[in-house]
Amino acid sequence: MALNFSMPVLIVDDYKTMIRIIRNLLKQLGFSDIDDAADGTEALEKMKQRKSNTVS
């Protein structure tokens, strides 16, 4: 299966250091559309916003 490096990635973690590490690893792999959230509530809101932006 081929990877789509342009697909959006949402990192959810309450530790900023872990988010930074994962973001850097994903960038090294070639992903460019990376967002992050500190908890599930924030993640759900970001996913809702993204969905409404792509539907409009």
N, C-alpha and C. Protein backbone atom coordinates (compact mmCIF):
# COMPACT_ATOMS: atom_id res chain seq x y z
N MET A 1 0.84 -1.18 0.00
CA MET A 1 0.00 0.00 0.00
C MET A 1 0.89 1.24 0.00
N ALA A 2 0.60 2.14 -0.91
CA ALA A 2 1.38 3.39 -1.01
C ALA A 2 0.87 4.40 0.01
N LEU A 3 1.78 5.16 0.55
CA LEU A 3 1.42 6.22 1.49
C LEU A 3 1.11 7.50 0.75
N ASN A 4 0.09 8.20 1.23
CA ASN A 4 -0.26 9.51 0.69
C ASN A 4 0.30 10.55 1.66
N PHE A 5 1.44 11.12 1.34
CA PHE A 5 2.11 12.05 2.25
C PHE A 5 1.41 13.40 2.35
N SER A 6 0.41 13.63 1.50
CA SER A 6 -0.33 14.88 1.58
C SER A 6 -1.58 14.77 2.44
N MET A 7 -1.88 13.55 2.94
CA MET A 7 -3.07 13.39 3.78
C MET A 7 -2.86 14.11 5.12
N PRO A 8 -3.94 14.65 5.68
CA PRO A 8 -3.82 15.35 6.96
C PRO A 8 -3.57 14.40 8.12
N VAL A 9 -2.74 14.85 9.05
CA VAL A 9 -2.42 14.07 10.25
C VAL A 9 -2.71 14.94 11.46
N LEU A 10 -3.42 14.38 12.42
CA LEU A 10 -3.70 15.08 13.67
C LEU A 10 -3.04 14.33 14.82
N ILE A 11 -2.12 14.99 15.49
CA ILE A 11 -1.42 14.41 16.64
C ILE A 11 -2.16 14.87 17.90
N VAL A 12 -2.54 13.93 18.76
CA VAL A 12 -3.23 14.27 20.00
C VAL A 12 -2.43 13.74 21.17
N ASP A 13 -1.92 14.66 21.98
CA ASP A 13 -1.15 14.29 23.16
C ASP A 13 -1.12 15.49 24.10
N ASP A 14 -1.12 15.23 25.38
CA ASP A 14 -1.11 16.34 26.34
C ASP A 14 0.31 16.81 26.68
N TYR A 15 1.32 16.14 26.12
CA TYR A 15 2.70 16.57 26.35
C TYR A 15 3.24 17.24 25.10
N LYS A 16 3.53 18.54 25.19
CA LYS A 16 4.03 19.30 24.05
C LYS A 16 5.32 18.70 23.50
N THR A 17 6.15 18.17 24.37
CA THR A 17 7.41 17.56 23.92
C THR A 17 7.13 16.37 23.02
N MET A 18 6.17 15.55 23.38
CA MET A 18 5.83 14.38 22.57
C MET A 18 5.25 14.81 21.23
N ILE A 19 4.41 15.85 21.24
CA ILE A 19 3.87 16.37 19.98
C ILE A 19 5.00 16.83 19.07
N ARG A 20 5.95 17.55 19.63
CA ARG A 20 7.08 18.05 18.85
C ARG A 20 7.90 16.89 18.25
N ILE A 21 8.13 15.85 19.04
CA ILE A 21 8.89 14.69 18.57
C ILE A 21 8.16 14.00 17.42
N ILE A 22 6.86 13.74 17.62
CA ILE A 22 6.07 13.05 16.59
C ILE A 22 5.96 13.90 15.33
N ARG A 23 5.74 15.22 15.51
CA ARG A 23 5.66 16.12 14.35
C ARG A 23 6.95 16.07 13.54
N ASN A 24 8.10 16.12 14.22
CA ASN A 24 9.39 16.07 13.53
C ASN A 24 9.59 14.75 12.80
N LEU A 25 9.20 13.65 13.42
CA LEU A 25 9.31 12.34 12.77
C LEU A 25 8.44 12.28 11.52
N LEU A 26 7.21 12.78 11.63
CA LEU A 26 6.30 12.76 10.47
C LEU A 26 6.84 13.64 9.34
N LYS A 27 7.41 14.78 9.69
CA LYS A 27 8.01 15.65 8.67
C LYS A 27 9.18 14.96 7.99
N GLN A 28 9.99 14.25 8.76
CA GLN A 28 11.13 13.52 8.19
C GLN A 28 10.66 12.44 7.23
N LEU A 29 9.49 11.85 7.52
CA LEU A 29 8.93 10.82 6.65
C LEU A 29 8.33 11.41 5.37
N GLY A 30 8.02 12.72 5.42
CA GLY A 30 7.49 13.37 4.22
C GLY A 30 6.11 13.95 4.35
N PHE A 31 5.48 13.83 5.52
CA PHE A 31 4.15 14.40 5.71
C PHE A 31 4.27 15.91 5.87
N SER A 32 3.28 16.63 5.31
CA SER A 32 3.36 18.09 5.37
C SER A 32 2.14 18.72 6.05
N ASP A 33 1.00 18.05 6.02
CA ASP A 33 -0.24 18.60 6.60
C ASP A 33 -0.44 18.02 8.00
N ILE A 34 0.27 18.60 8.98
CA ILE A 34 0.28 18.07 10.35
C ILE A 34 -0.31 19.11 11.29
N ASP A 35 -1.27 18.69 12.09
CA ASP A 35 -1.86 19.56 13.10
C ASP A 35 -1.76 18.83 14.44
N ASP A 36 -2.01 19.55 15.54
CA ASP A 36 -1.94 18.90 16.84
C ASP A 36 -3.02 19.43 17.76
N ALA A 37 -3.31 18.63 18.78
CA ALA A 37 -4.29 18.99 19.80
C ALA A 37 -3.80 18.44 21.14
N ALA A 38 -4.15 19.15 22.21
CA ALA A 38 -3.69 18.77 23.54
C ALA A 38 -4.60 17.73 24.21
N ASP A 39 -5.84 17.59 23.71
CA ASP A 39 -6.76 16.62 24.31
C ASP A 39 -7.84 16.24 23.30
N GLY A 40 -8.67 15.30 23.67
CA GLY A 40 -9.71 14.81 22.77
C GLY A 40 -10.72 15.86 22.38
N THR A 41 -11.08 16.73 23.31
CA THR A 41 -12.06 17.78 23.02
C THR A 41 -11.53 18.71 21.94
N GLU A 42 -10.29 19.12 22.09
CA GLU A 42 -9.66 20.00 21.09
C GLU A 42 -9.52 19.27 19.75
N ALA A 43 -9.19 18.00 19.80
CA ALA A 43 -9.04 17.22 18.57
C ALA A 43 -10.36 17.12 17.82
N LEU A 44 -11.45 16.84 18.54
CA LEU A 44 -12.76 16.76 17.89
C LEU A 44 -13.15 18.09 17.25
N GLU A 45 -12.88 19.18 17.94
CA GLU A 45 -13.20 20.50 17.40
C GLU A 45 -12.39 20.77 16.13
N LYS A 46 -11.12 20.41 16.14
CA LYS A 46 -10.29 20.63 14.96
C LYS A 46 -10.77 19.77 13.79
N MET A 47 -11.19 18.54 14.07
CA MET A 47 -11.70 17.68 13.01
C MET A 47 -13.01 18.22 12.44
N LYS A 48 -13.89 18.74 13.31
CA LYS A 48 -15.14 19.34 12.85
C LYS A 48 -14.87 20.56 11.98
N GLN A 49 -13.93 21.41 12.40
CA GLN A 49 -13.58 22.60 11.63
C GLN A 49 -13.03 22.21 10.26
N ARG A 50 -12.17 21.23 10.25
CA ARG A 50 -11.55 20.79 8.99
C ARG A 50 -12.62 20.23 8.05
N LYS A 51 -13.55 19.44 8.60
CA LYS A 51 -14.61 18.87 7.79
C LYS A 51 -15.50 19.96 7.20
N SER A 52 -15.85 20.96 8.01
CA SER A 52 -16.70 22.04 7.50
C SER A 52 -15.97 22.88 6.46
N ASN A 53 -14.65 22.99 6.58
CA ASN A 53 -13.86 23.74 5.59
C ASN A 53 -13.76 23.00 4.27
N THR A 54 -13.73 21.67 4.30
CA THR A 54 -13.61 20.91 3.07
C THR A 54 -14.97 20.74 2.39
N VAL A 55 -16.05 20.77 3.16
CA VAL A 55 -17.39 20.62 2.59
C VAL A 55 -17.81 21.92 1.91
N SER A 56 -17.43 23.05 2.47
CA SER A 56 -17.85 24.36 1.93
C SER A 56 -17.20 24.66 0.61
